[in-house]
Amino acid sequence: LVPGQIRILTSMDPKHKELGEALAGGLRD
């Protein structure tokens, strides 16, 4: 896989956004 941005879609619900950001942080790691 060529490095690129993996898009994580969430609603505006704060819980959903927090979970999305946690996954995004792991992908960046």
mmCIF file of all heavy atoms, coordinates in Angstrom:
data_MODEL
# 
_entry.id   MODEL 
# 
loop_
_atom_site.group_PDB 
_atom_site.id 
_atom_site.type_symbol 
_atom_site.label_atom_id 
_atom_site.label_alt_id 
_atom_site.label_comp_id 
_atom_site.label_asym_id 
_atom_site.label_entity_id 
_atom_site.label_seq_id 
_atom_site.pdbx_PDB_ins_code 
_atom_site.Cartn_x 
_atom_site.Cartn_y 
_atom_site.Cartn_z 
_atom_site.occupancy 
_atom_site.B_iso_or_equiv 
_atom_site.pdbx_formal_charge 
_atom_site.auth_seq_id 
_atom_site.auth_comp_id 
_atom_site.auth_asym_id 
_atom_site.auth_atom_id 
_atom_site.pdbx_PDB_model_num 
ATOM 1   N N   . LEU A 1 1  ? 0.827   -1.196 0.000  1.00 0.00 ? 1  LEU A N   1 
ATOM 2   C CA  . LEU A 1 1  ? 0.000   0.000  0.000  1.00 0.00 ? 1  LEU A CA  1 
ATOM 3   C C   . LEU A 1 1  ? 0.865   1.252  0.000  1.00 0.00 ? 1  LEU A C   1 
ATOM 4   O O   . LEU A 1 1  ? 1.750   1.415  0.839  1.00 0.00 ? 1  LEU A O   1 
ATOM 5   C CB  . LEU A 1 1  ? -0.914  0.010  1.238  1.00 0.00 ? 1  LEU A CB  1 
ATOM 6   C CG  . LEU A 1 1  ? -1.814  1.230  1.425  1.00 0.00 ? 1  LEU A CG  1 
ATOM 7   C CD1 . LEU A 1 1  ? -2.864  1.286  0.318  1.00 0.00 ? 1  LEU A CD1 1 
ATOM 8   C CD2 . LEU A 1 1  ? -2.487  1.192  2.793  1.00 0.00 ? 1  LEU A CD2 1 
ATOM 9   N N   . VAL A 1 2  ? 0.649   2.108  -0.962 1.00 0.00 ? 2  VAL A N   1 
ATOM 10  C CA  . VAL A 1 2  ? 1.378   3.364  -1.024 1.00 0.00 ? 2  VAL A CA  1 
ATOM 11  C C   . VAL A 1 2  ? 0.900   4.256  0.118  1.00 0.00 ? 2  VAL A C   1 
ATOM 12  O O   . VAL A 1 2  ? -0.308  4.439  0.308  1.00 0.00 ? 2  VAL A O   1 
ATOM 13  C CB  . VAL A 1 2  ? 1.128   4.072  -2.376 1.00 0.00 ? 2  VAL A CB  1 
ATOM 14  C CG1 . VAL A 1 2  ? 1.827   5.430  -2.400 1.00 0.00 ? 2  VAL A CG1 1 
ATOM 15  C CG2 . VAL A 1 2  ? 1.602   3.194  -3.514 1.00 0.00 ? 2  VAL A CG2 1 
ATOM 16  N N   . PRO A 1 3  ? 1.819   4.781  0.923  1.00 0.00 ? 3  PRO A N   1 
ATOM 17  C CA  . PRO A 1 3  ? 1.399   5.621  2.049  1.00 0.00 ? 3  PRO A CA  1 
ATOM 18  C C   . PRO A 1 3  ? 0.498   6.762  1.589  1.00 0.00 ? 3  PRO A C   1 
ATOM 19  O O   . PRO A 1 3  ? 0.769   7.436  0.598  1.00 0.00 ? 3  PRO A O   1 
ATOM 20  C CB  . PRO A 1 3  ? 2.727   6.145  2.613  1.00 0.00 ? 3  PRO A CB  1 
ATOM 21  C CG  . PRO A 1 3  ? 3.732   5.126  2.202  1.00 0.00 ? 3  PRO A CG  1 
ATOM 22  C CD  . PRO A 1 3  ? 3.283   4.627  0.874  1.00 0.00 ? 3  PRO A CD  1 
ATOM 23  N N   . GLY A 1 4  ? -0.563  6.940  2.272  1.00 0.00 ? 4  GLY A N   1 
ATOM 24  C CA  . GLY A 1 4  ? -1.514  7.995  1.962  1.00 0.00 ? 4  GLY A CA  1 
ATOM 25  C C   . GLY A 1 4  ? -2.469  8.130  3.131  1.00 0.00 ? 4  GLY A C   1 
ATOM 26  O O   . GLY A 1 4  ? -2.390  7.385  4.106  1.00 0.00 ? 4  GLY A O   1 
ATOM 27  N N   . GLN A 1 5  ? -3.358  9.064  3.032  1.00 0.00 ? 5  GLN A N   1 
ATOM 28  C CA  . GLN A 1 5  ? -4.283  9.285  4.135  1.00 0.00 ? 5  GLN A CA  1 
ATOM 29  C C   . GLN A 1 5  ? -5.445  8.300  4.077  1.00 0.00 ? 5  GLN A C   1 
ATOM 30  O O   . GLN A 1 5  ? -6.108  8.156  3.048  1.00 0.00 ? 5  GLN A O   1 
ATOM 31  C CB  . GLN A 1 5  ? -4.822  10.712 4.101  1.00 0.00 ? 5  GLN A CB  1 
ATOM 32  C CG  . GLN A 1 5  ? -3.795  11.754 4.521  1.00 0.00 ? 5  GLN A CG  1 
ATOM 33  C CD  . GLN A 1 5  ? -4.419  13.120 4.703  1.00 0.00 ? 5  GLN A CD  1 
ATOM 34  O OE1 . GLN A 1 5  ? -5.347  13.472 3.996  1.00 0.00 ? 5  GLN A OE1 1 
ATOM 35  N NE2 . GLN A 1 5  ? -3.918  13.880 5.660  1.00 0.00 ? 5  GLN A NE2 1 
ATOM 36  N N   . ILE A 1 6  ? -5.662  7.628  5.192  1.00 0.00 ? 6  ILE A N   1 
ATOM 37  C CA  . ILE A 1 6  ? -6.824  6.765  5.348  1.00 0.00 ? 6  ILE A CA  1 
ATOM 38  C C   . ILE A 1 6  ? -7.930  7.606  5.974  1.00 0.00 ? 6  ILE A C   1 
ATOM 39  O O   . ILE A 1 6  ? -7.762  8.162  7.063  1.00 0.00 ? 6  ILE A O   1 
ATOM 40  C CB  . ILE A 1 6  ? -6.496  5.538  6.214  1.00 0.00 ? 6  ILE A CB  1 
ATOM 41  C CG1 . ILE A 1 6  ? -5.504  4.632  5.467  1.00 0.00 ? 6  ILE A CG1 1 
ATOM 42  C CG2 . ILE A 1 6  ? -7.762  4.767  6.585  1.00 0.00 ? 6  ILE A CG2 1 
ATOM 43  C CD1 . ILE A 1 6  ? -5.042  3.421  6.246  1.00 0.00 ? 6  ILE A CD1 1 
ATOM 44  N N   . ARG A 1 7  ? -9.042  7.724  5.280  1.00 0.00 ? 7  ARG A N   1 
ATOM 45  C CA  . ARG A 1 7  ? -10.136 8.584  5.731  1.00 0.00 ? 7  ARG A CA  1 
ATOM 46  C C   . ARG A 1 7  ? -11.021 7.828  6.716  1.00 0.00 ? 7  ARG A C   1 
ATOM 47  O O   . ARG A 1 7  ? -11.524 6.739  6.424  1.00 0.00 ? 7  ARG A O   1 
ATOM 48  C CB  . ARG A 1 7  ? -10.965 9.069  4.541  1.00 0.00 ? 7  ARG A CB  1 
ATOM 49  C CG  . ARG A 1 7  ? -10.178 9.955  3.589  1.00 0.00 ? 7  ARG A CG  1 
ATOM 50  C CD  . ARG A 1 7  ? -11.012 10.359 2.389  1.00 0.00 ? 7  ARG A CD  1 
ATOM 51  N NE  . ARG A 1 7  ? -12.050 11.316 2.749  1.00 0.00 ? 7  ARG A NE  1 
ATOM 52  C CZ  . ARG A 1 7  ? -11.886 12.635 2.758  1.00 0.00 ? 7  ARG A CZ  1 
ATOM 53  N NH1 . ARG A 1 7  ? -10.689 13.156 2.462  1.00 0.00 ? 7  ARG A NH1 1 
ATOM 54  N NH2 . ARG A 1 7  ? -12.868 13.444 3.050  1.00 0.00 ? 7  ARG A NH2 1 
ATOM 55  N N   . ILE A 1 8  ? -11.206 8.444  7.878  1.00 0.00 ? 8  ILE A N   1 
ATOM 56  C CA  . ILE A 1 8  ? -12.052 7.881  8.928  1.00 0.00 ? 8  ILE A CA  1 
ATOM 57  C C   . ILE A 1 8  ? -13.255 8.800  9.080  1.00 0.00 ? 8  ILE A C   1 
ATOM 58  O O   . ILE A 1 8  ? -13.115 9.974  9.442  1.00 0.00 ? 8  ILE A O   1 
ATOM 59  C CB  . ILE A 1 8  ? -11.286 7.764  10.261 1.00 0.00 ? 8  ILE A CB  1 
ATOM 60  C CG1 . ILE A 1 8  ? -10.020 6.921  10.075 1.00 0.00 ? 8  ILE A CG1 1 
ATOM 61  C CG2 . ILE A 1 8  ? -12.181 7.164  11.353 1.00 0.00 ? 8  ILE A CG2 1 
ATOM 62  C CD1 . ILE A 1 8  ? -9.078  6.975  11.269 1.00 0.00 ? 8  ILE A CD1 1 
ATOM 63  N N   . LEU A 1 9  ? -14.426 8.291  8.801  1.00 0.00 ? 9  LEU A N   1 
ATOM 64  C CA  . LEU A 1 9  ? -15.648 9.083  8.807  1.00 0.00 ? 9  LEU A CA  1 
ATOM 65  C C   . LEU A 1 9  ? -16.383 8.913  10.134 1.00 0.00 ? 9  LEU A C   1 
ATOM 66  O O   . LEU A 1 9  ? -16.572 7.787  10.606 1.00 0.00 ? 9  LEU A O   1 
ATOM 67  C CB  . LEU A 1 9  ? -16.554 8.643  7.653  1.00 0.00 ? 9  LEU A CB  1 
ATOM 68  C CG  . LEU A 1 9  ? -17.926 9.303  7.546  1.00 0.00 ? 9  LEU A CG  1 
ATOM 69  C CD1 . LEU A 1 9  ? -17.789 10.784 7.194  1.00 0.00 ? 9  LEU A CD1 1 
ATOM 70  C CD2 . LEU A 1 9  ? -18.778 8.576  6.505  1.00 0.00 ? 9  LEU A CD2 1 
ATOM 71  N N   . THR A 1 10 ? -16.799 10.024 10.732 1.00 0.00 ? 10 THR A N   1 
ATOM 72  C CA  . THR A 1 10 ? -17.587 9.975  11.955 1.00 0.00 ? 10 THR A CA  1 
ATOM 73  C C   . THR A 1 10 ? -18.718 11.003 11.863 1.00 0.00 ? 10 THR A C   1 
ATOM 74  O O   . THR A 1 10 ? -18.689 11.914 11.048 1.00 0.00 ? 10 THR A O   1 
ATOM 75  C CB  . THR A 1 10 ? -16.758 10.283 13.221 1.00 0.00 ? 10 THR A CB  1 
ATOM 76  O OG1 . THR A 1 10 ? -16.610 11.697 13.381 1.00 0.00 ? 10 THR A OG1 1 
ATOM 77  C CG2 . THR A 1 10 ? -15.394 9.629  13.185 1.00 0.00 ? 10 THR A CG2 1 
ATOM 78  N N   . SER A 1 11 ? -19.695 10.841 12.747 1.00 0.00 ? 11 SER A N   1 
ATOM 79  C CA  . SER A 1 11 ? -20.684 11.889 12.943 1.00 0.00 ? 11 SER A CA  1 
ATOM 80  C C   . SER A 1 11 ? -20.068 12.945 13.857 1.00 0.00 ? 11 SER A C   1 
ATOM 81  O O   . SER A 1 11 ? -18.907 12.843 14.257 1.00 0.00 ? 11 SER A O   1 
ATOM 82  C CB  . SER A 1 11 ? -21.953 11.310 13.564 1.00 0.00 ? 11 SER A CB  1 
ATOM 83  O OG  . SER A 1 11 ? -21.709 10.943 14.918 1.00 0.00 ? 11 SER A OG  1 
ATOM 84  N N   . MET A 1 12 ? -20.867 13.935 14.241 1.00 0.00 ? 12 MET A N   1 
ATOM 85  C CA  . MET A 1 12 ? -20.384 14.969 15.159 1.00 0.00 ? 12 MET A CA  1 
ATOM 86  C C   . MET A 1 12 ? -20.482 14.533 16.620 1.00 0.00 ? 12 MET A C   1 
ATOM 87  O O   . MET A 1 12 ? -20.085 15.288 17.507 1.00 0.00 ? 12 MET A O   1 
ATOM 88  C CB  . MET A 1 12 ? -21.187 16.253 14.952 1.00 0.00 ? 12 MET A CB  1 
ATOM 89  C CG  . MET A 1 12 ? -21.077 16.842 13.551 1.00 0.00 ? 12 MET A CG  1 
ATOM 90  S SD  . MET A 1 12 ? -19.394 17.279 13.086 1.00 0.00 ? 12 MET A SD  1 
ATOM 91  C CE  . MET A 1 12 ? -19.087 18.642 14.215 1.00 0.00 ? 12 MET A CE  1 
ATOM 92  N N   . ASP A 1 13 ? -21.019 13.357 16.873 1.00 0.00 ? 13 ASP A N   1 
ATOM 93  C CA  . ASP A 1 13 ? -21.109 12.864 18.245 1.00 0.00 ? 13 ASP A CA  1 
ATOM 94  C C   . ASP A 1 13 ? -19.713 12.832 18.858 1.00 0.00 ? 13 ASP A C   1 
ATOM 95  O O   . ASP A 1 13 ? -18.795 12.249 18.275 1.00 0.00 ? 13 ASP A O   1 
ATOM 96  C CB  . ASP A 1 13 ? -21.721 11.463 18.255 1.00 0.00 ? 13 ASP A CB  1 
ATOM 97  C CG  . ASP A 1 13 ? -21.995 10.933 19.655 1.00 0.00 ? 13 ASP A CG  1 
ATOM 98  O OD1 . ASP A 1 13 ? -21.032 10.843 20.451 1.00 0.00 ? 13 ASP A OD1 1 
ATOM 99  O OD2 . ASP A 1 13 ? -23.152 10.603 19.960 1.00 0.00 ? 13 ASP A OD2 1 
ATOM 100 N N   . PRO A 1 14 ? -19.514 13.463 20.023 1.00 0.00 ? 14 PRO A N   1 
ATOM 101 C CA  . PRO A 1 14 ? -18.166 13.523 20.608 1.00 0.00 ? 14 PRO A CA  1 
ATOM 102 C C   . PRO A 1 14 ? -17.534 12.150 20.809 1.00 0.00 ? 14 PRO A C   1 
ATOM 103 O O   . PRO A 1 14 ? -16.318 12.002 20.608 1.00 0.00 ? 14 PRO A O   1 
ATOM 104 C CB  . PRO A 1 14 ? -18.400 14.231 21.952 1.00 0.00 ? 14 PRO A CB  1 
ATOM 105 C CG  . PRO A 1 14 ? -19.625 15.061 21.733 1.00 0.00 ? 14 PRO A CG  1 
ATOM 106 C CD  . PRO A 1 14 ? -20.490 14.258 20.811 1.00 0.00 ? 14 PRO A CD  1 
ATOM 107 N N   . LYS A 1 15 ? -18.311 11.159 21.188 1.00 0.00 ? 15 LYS A N   1 
ATOM 108 C CA  . LYS A 1 15 ? -17.749 9.821  21.395 1.00 0.00 ? 15 LYS A CA  1 
ATOM 109 C C   . LYS A 1 15 ? -17.224 9.251  20.091 1.00 0.00 ? 15 LYS A C   1 
ATOM 110 O O   . LYS A 1 15 ? -16.154 8.635  20.045 1.00 0.00 ? 15 LYS A O   1 
ATOM 111 C CB  . LYS A 1 15 ? -18.814 8.902  21.993 1.00 0.00 ? 15 LYS A CB  1 
ATOM 112 C CG  . LYS A 1 15 ? -19.353 9.356  23.336 1.00 0.00 ? 15 LYS A CG  1 
ATOM 113 C CD  . LYS A 1 15 ? -20.422 8.431  23.866 1.00 0.00 ? 15 LYS A CD  1 
ATOM 114 C CE  . LYS A 1 15 ? -21.652 8.389  22.982 1.00 0.00 ? 15 LYS A CE  1 
ATOM 115 N NZ  . LYS A 1 15 ? -22.352 9.679  22.867 1.00 0.00 ? 15 LYS A NZ  1 
ATOM 116 N N   . HIS A 1 16 ? -17.989 9.418  19.032 1.00 0.00 ? 16 HIS A N   1 
ATOM 117 C CA  . HIS A 1 16 ? -17.569 8.910  17.729 1.00 0.00 ? 16 HIS A CA  1 
ATOM 118 C C   . HIS A 1 16 ? -16.290 9.604  17.264 1.00 0.00 ? 16 HIS A C   1 
ATOM 119 O O   . HIS A 1 16 ? -15.376 8.963  16.730 1.00 0.00 ? 16 HIS A O   1 
ATOM 120 C CB  . HIS A 1 16 ? -18.683 9.138  16.705 1.00 0.00 ? 16 HIS A CB  1 
ATOM 121 C CG  . HIS A 1 16 ? -19.935 8.374  16.986 1.00 0.00 ? 16 HIS A CG  1 
ATOM 122 N ND1 . HIS A 1 16 ? -20.931 8.210  16.051 1.00 0.00 ? 16 HIS A ND1 1 
ATOM 123 C CD2 . HIS A 1 16 ? -20.371 7.726  18.093 1.00 0.00 ? 16 HIS A CD2 1 
ATOM 124 C CE1 . HIS A 1 16 ? -21.918 7.502  16.560 1.00 0.00 ? 16 HIS A CE1 1 
ATOM 125 N NE2 . HIS A 1 16 ? -21.602 7.209  17.809 1.00 0.00 ? 16 HIS A NE2 1 
ATOM 126 N N   . LYS A 1 17 ? -16.229 10.913 17.458 1.00 0.00 ? 17 LYS A N   1 
ATOM 127 C CA  . LYS A 1 17 ? -15.040 11.658 17.049 1.00 0.00 ? 17 LYS A CA  1 
ATOM 128 C C   . LYS A 1 17 ? -13.812 11.223 17.847 1.00 0.00 ? 17 LYS A C   1 
ATOM 129 O O   . LYS A 1 17 ? -12.708 11.081 17.292 1.00 0.00 ? 17 LYS A O   1 
ATOM 130 C CB  . LYS A 1 17 ? -15.289 13.151 17.215 1.00 0.00 ? 17 LYS A CB  1 
ATOM 131 C CG  . LYS A 1 17 ? -16.346 13.697 16.252 1.00 0.00 ? 17 LYS A CG  1 
ATOM 132 C CD  . LYS A 1 17 ? -16.876 15.052 16.662 1.00 0.00 ? 17 LYS A CD  1 
ATOM 133 C CE  . LYS A 1 17 ? -15.849 16.144 16.559 1.00 0.00 ? 17 LYS A CE  1 
ATOM 134 N NZ  . LYS A 1 17 ? -16.433 17.474 16.876 1.00 0.00 ? 17 LYS A NZ  1 
ATOM 135 N N   . GLU A 1 18 ? -13.979 11.006 19.144 1.00 0.00 ? 18 GLU A N   1 
ATOM 136 C CA  . GLU A 1 18 ? -12.860 10.561 19.978 1.00 0.00 ? 18 GLU A CA  1 
ATOM 137 C C   . GLU A 1 18 ? -12.357 9.200  19.541 1.00 0.00 ? 18 GLU A C   1 
ATOM 138 O O   . GLU A 1 18 ? -11.134 8.961  19.470 1.00 0.00 ? 18 GLU A O   1 
ATOM 139 C CB  . GLU A 1 18 ? -13.298 10.533 21.442 1.00 0.00 ? 18 GLU A CB  1 
ATOM 140 C CG  . GLU A 1 18 ? -13.497 11.912 22.045 1.00 0.00 ? 18 GLU A CG  1 
ATOM 141 C CD  . GLU A 1 18 ? -14.263 11.883 23.353 1.00 0.00 ? 18 GLU A CD  1 
ATOM 142 O OE1 . GLU A 1 18 ? -14.935 10.866 23.641 1.00 0.00 ? 18 GLU A OE1 1 
ATOM 143 O OE2 . GLU A 1 18 ? -14.213 12.884 24.085 1.00 0.00 ? 18 GLU A OE2 1 
ATOM 144 N N   . LEU A 1 19 ? -13.277 8.292  19.232 1.00 0.00 ? 19 LEU A N   1 
ATOM 145 C CA  . LEU A 1 19 ? -12.870 6.969  18.768 1.00 0.00 ? 19 LEU A CA  1 
ATOM 146 C C   . LEU A 1 19 ? -12.162 7.070  17.420 1.00 0.00 ? 19 LEU A C   1 
ATOM 147 O O   . LEU A 1 19 ? -11.154 6.398  17.178 1.00 0.00 ? 19 LEU A O   1 
ATOM 148 C CB  . LEU A 1 19 ? -14.090 6.052  18.666 1.00 0.00 ? 19 LEU A CB  1 
ATOM 149 C CG  . LEU A 1 19 ? -14.728 5.652  20.002 1.00 0.00 ? 19 LEU A CG  1 
ATOM 150 C CD1 . LEU A 1 19 ? -16.101 5.036  19.788 1.00 0.00 ? 19 LEU A CD1 1 
ATOM 151 C CD2 . LEU A 1 19 ? -13.830 4.674  20.766 1.00 0.00 ? 19 LEU A CD2 1 
ATOM 152 N N   . GLY A 1 20 ? -12.670 7.925  16.536 1.00 0.00 ? 20 GLY A N   1 
ATOM 153 C CA  . GLY A 1 20 ? -12.015 8.121  15.249 1.00 0.00 ? 20 GLY A CA  1 
ATOM 154 C C   . GLY A 1 20 ? -10.609 8.675  15.396 1.00 0.00 ? 20 GLY A C   1 
ATOM 155 O O   . GLY A 1 20 ? -9.677  8.235  14.715 1.00 0.00 ? 20 GLY A O   1 
ATOM 156 N N   . GLU A 1 21 ? -10.441 9.628  16.302 1.00 0.00 ? 21 GLU A N   1 
ATOM 157 C CA  . GLU A 1 21 ? -9.115  10.209 16.529 1.00 0.00 ? 21 GLU A CA  1 
ATOM 158 C C   . GLU A 1 21 ? -8.155  9.196  17.147 1.00 0.00 ? 21 GLU A C   1 
ATOM 159 O O   . GLU A 1 21 ? -6.959  9.200  16.855 1.00 0.00 ? 21 GLU A O   1 
ATOM 160 C CB  . GLU A 1 21 ? -9.226  11.442 17.414 1.00 0.00 ? 21 GLU A CB  1 
ATOM 161 C CG  . GLU A 1 21 ? -9.848  12.649 16.744 1.00 0.00 ? 21 GLU A CG  1 
ATOM 162 C CD  . GLU A 1 21 ? -8.976  13.232 15.644 1.00 0.00 ? 21 GLU A CD  1 
ATOM 163 O OE1 . GLU A 1 21 ? -7.802  12.808 15.506 1.00 0.00 ? 21 GLU A OE1 1 
ATOM 164 O OE2 . GLU A 1 21 ? -9.460  14.112 14.915 1.00 0.00 ? 21 GLU A OE2 1 
ATOM 165 N N   . ALA A 1 22 ? -8.661  8.337  18.008 1.00 0.00 ? 22 ALA A N   1 
ATOM 166 C CA  . ALA A 1 22 ? -7.796  7.310  18.603 1.00 0.00 ? 22 ALA A CA  1 
ATOM 167 C C   . ALA A 1 22 ? -7.262  6.374  17.526 1.00 0.00 ? 22 ALA A C   1 
ATOM 168 O O   . ALA A 1 22 ? -6.078  6.003  17.534 1.00 0.00 ? 22 ALA A O   1 
ATOM 169 C CB  . ALA A 1 22 ? -8.570  6.529  19.661 1.00 0.00 ? 22 ALA A CB  1 
ATOM 170 N N   . LEU A 1 23 ? -8.118  5.985  16.584 1.00 0.00 ? 23 LEU A N   1 
ATOM 171 C CA  . LEU A 1 23 ? -7.660  5.137  15.490 1.00 0.00 ? 23 LEU A CA  1 
ATOM 172 C C   . LEU A 1 23 ? -6.681  5.889  14.596 1.00 0.00 ? 23 LEU A C   1 
ATOM 173 O O   . LEU A 1 23 ? -5.660  5.335  14.174 1.00 0.00 ? 23 LEU A O   1 
ATOM 174 C CB  . LEU A 1 23 ? -8.859  4.642  14.676 1.00 0.00 ? 23 LEU A CB  1 
ATOM 175 C CG  . LEU A 1 23 ? -8.521  3.764  13.467 1.00 0.00 ? 23 LEU A CG  1 
ATOM 176 C CD1 . LEU A 1 23 ? -7.738  2.526  13.889 1.00 0.00 ? 23 LEU A CD1 1 
ATOM 177 C CD2 . LEU A 1 23 ? -9.801  3.363  12.725 1.00 0.00 ? 23 LEU A CD2 1 
ATOM 178 N N   . ALA A 1 24 ? -6.985  7.155  14.312 1.00 0.00 ? 24 ALA A N   1 
ATOM 179 C CA  . ALA A 1 24 ? -6.081  7.952  13.473 1.00 0.00 ? 24 ALA A CA  1 
ATOM 180 C C   . ALA A 1 24 ? -4.707  8.073  14.111 1.00 0.00 ? 24 ALA A C   1 
ATOM 181 O O   . ALA A 1 24 ? -3.679  7.981  13.425 1.00 0.00 ? 24 ALA A O   1 
ATOM 182 C CB  . ALA A 1 24 ? -6.678  9.339  13.242 1.00 0.00 ? 24 ALA A CB  1 
ATOM 183 N N   . GLY A 1 25 ? -4.669  8.262  15.426 1.00 0.00 ? 25 GLY A N   1 
ATOM 184 C CA  . GLY A 1 25 ? -3.377  8.345  16.109 1.00 0.00 ? 25 GLY A CA  1 
ATOM 185 C C   . GLY A 1 25 ? -2.572  7.071  15.966 1.00 0.00 ? 25 GLY A C   1 
ATOM 186 O O   . GLY A 1 25 ? -1.351  7.099  15.756 1.00 0.00 ? 25 GLY A O   1 
ATOM 187 N N   . GLY A 1 26 ? -3.247  5.926  16.071 1.00 0.00 ? 26 GLY A N   1 
ATOM 188 C CA  . GLY A 1 26 ? -2.552  4.650  15.896 1.00 0.00 ? 26 GLY A CA  1 
ATOM 189 C C   . GLY A 1 26 ? -2.046  4.449  14.482 1.00 0.00 ? 26 GLY A C   1 
ATOM 190 O O   . GLY A 1 26 ? -0.958  3.891  14.273 1.00 0.00 ? 26 GLY A O   1 
ATOM 191 N N   . LEU A 1 27 ? -2.808  4.901  13.507 1.00 0.00 ? 27 LEU A N   1 
ATOM 192 C CA  . LEU A 1 27 ? -2.357  4.800  12.117 1.00 0.00 ? 27 LEU A CA  1 
ATOM 193 C C   . LEU A 1 27 ? -1.130  5.670  11.885 1.00 0.00 ? 27 LEU A C   1 
ATOM 194 O O   . LEU A 1 27 ? -0.190  5.262  11.179 1.00 0.00 ? 27 LEU A O   1 
ATOM 195 C CB  . LEU A 1 27 ? -3.487  5.225  11.176 1.00 0.00 ? 27 LEU A CB  1 
ATOM 196 C CG  . LEU A 1 27 ? -4.605  4.195  10.975 1.00 0.00 ? 27 LEU A CG  1 
ATOM 197 C CD1 . LEU A 1 27 ? -5.850  4.844  10.387 1.00 0.00 ? 27 LEU A CD1 1 
ATOM 198 C CD2 . LEU A 1 27 ? -4.126  3.058  10.065 1.00 0.00 ? 27 LEU A CD2 1 
ATOM 199 N N   . ARG A 1 28 ? -1.104  6.840  12.493 1.00 0.00 ? 28 ARG A N   1 
ATOM 200 C CA  . ARG A 1 28 ? 0.074   7.705  12.358 1.00 0.00 ? 28 ARG A CA  1 
ATOM 201 C C   . ARG A 1 28 ? 1.286   7.090  13.040 1.00 0.00 ? 28 ARG A C   1 
ATOM 202 O O   . ARG A 1 28 ? 2.413   7.214  12.548 1.00 0.00 ? 28 ARG A O   1 
ATOM 203 C CB  . ARG A 1 28 ? -0.240  9.089  12.914 1.00 0.00 ? 28 ARG A CB  1 
ATOM 204 C CG  . ARG A 1 28 ? -1.323  9.829  12.125 1.00 0.00 ? 28 ARG A CG  1 
ATOM 205 C CD  . ARG A 1 28 ? -1.635  11.195 12.698 1.00 0.00 ? 28 ARG A CD  1 
ATOM 206 N NE  . ARG A 1 28 ? -2.876  11.716 12.107 1.00 0.00 ? 28 ARG A NE  1 
ATOM 207 C CZ  . ARG A 1 28 ? -3.960  12.032 12.783 1.00 0.00 ? 28 ARG A CZ  1 
ATOM 208 N NH1 . ARG A 1 28 ? -3.976  11.911 14.109 1.00 0.00 ? 28 ARG A NH1 1 
ATOM 209 N NH2 . ARG A 1 28 ? -5.038  12.483 12.172 1.00 0.00 ? 28 ARG A NH2 1 
ATOM 210 N N   . ASP A 1 29 ? 1.048   6.412  14.169 1.00 0.00 ? 29 ASP A N   1 
ATOM 211 C CA  . ASP A 1 29 ? 2.149   5.701  14.834 1.00 0.00 ? 29 ASP A CA  1 
ATOM 212 C C   . ASP A 1 29 ? 2.757   4.653  13.905 1.00 0.00 ? 29 ASP A C   1 
ATOM 213 O O   . ASP A 1 29 ? 3.956   4.362  13.979 1.00 0.00 ? 29 ASP A O   1 
ATOM 214 C CB  . ASP A 1 29 ? 1.655   5.016  16.111 1.00 0.00 ? 29 ASP A CB  1 
ATOM 215 C CG  . ASP A 1 29 ? 1.303   6.008  17.214 1.00 0.00 ? 29 ASP A CG  1 
ATOM 216 O OD1 . ASP A 1 29 ? 1.733   7.175  17.123 1.00 0.00 ? 29 ASP A OD1 1 
ATOM 217 O OD2 . ASP A 1 29 ? 0.595   5.608  18.158 1.00 0.00 ? 29 ASP A OD2 1 
# 
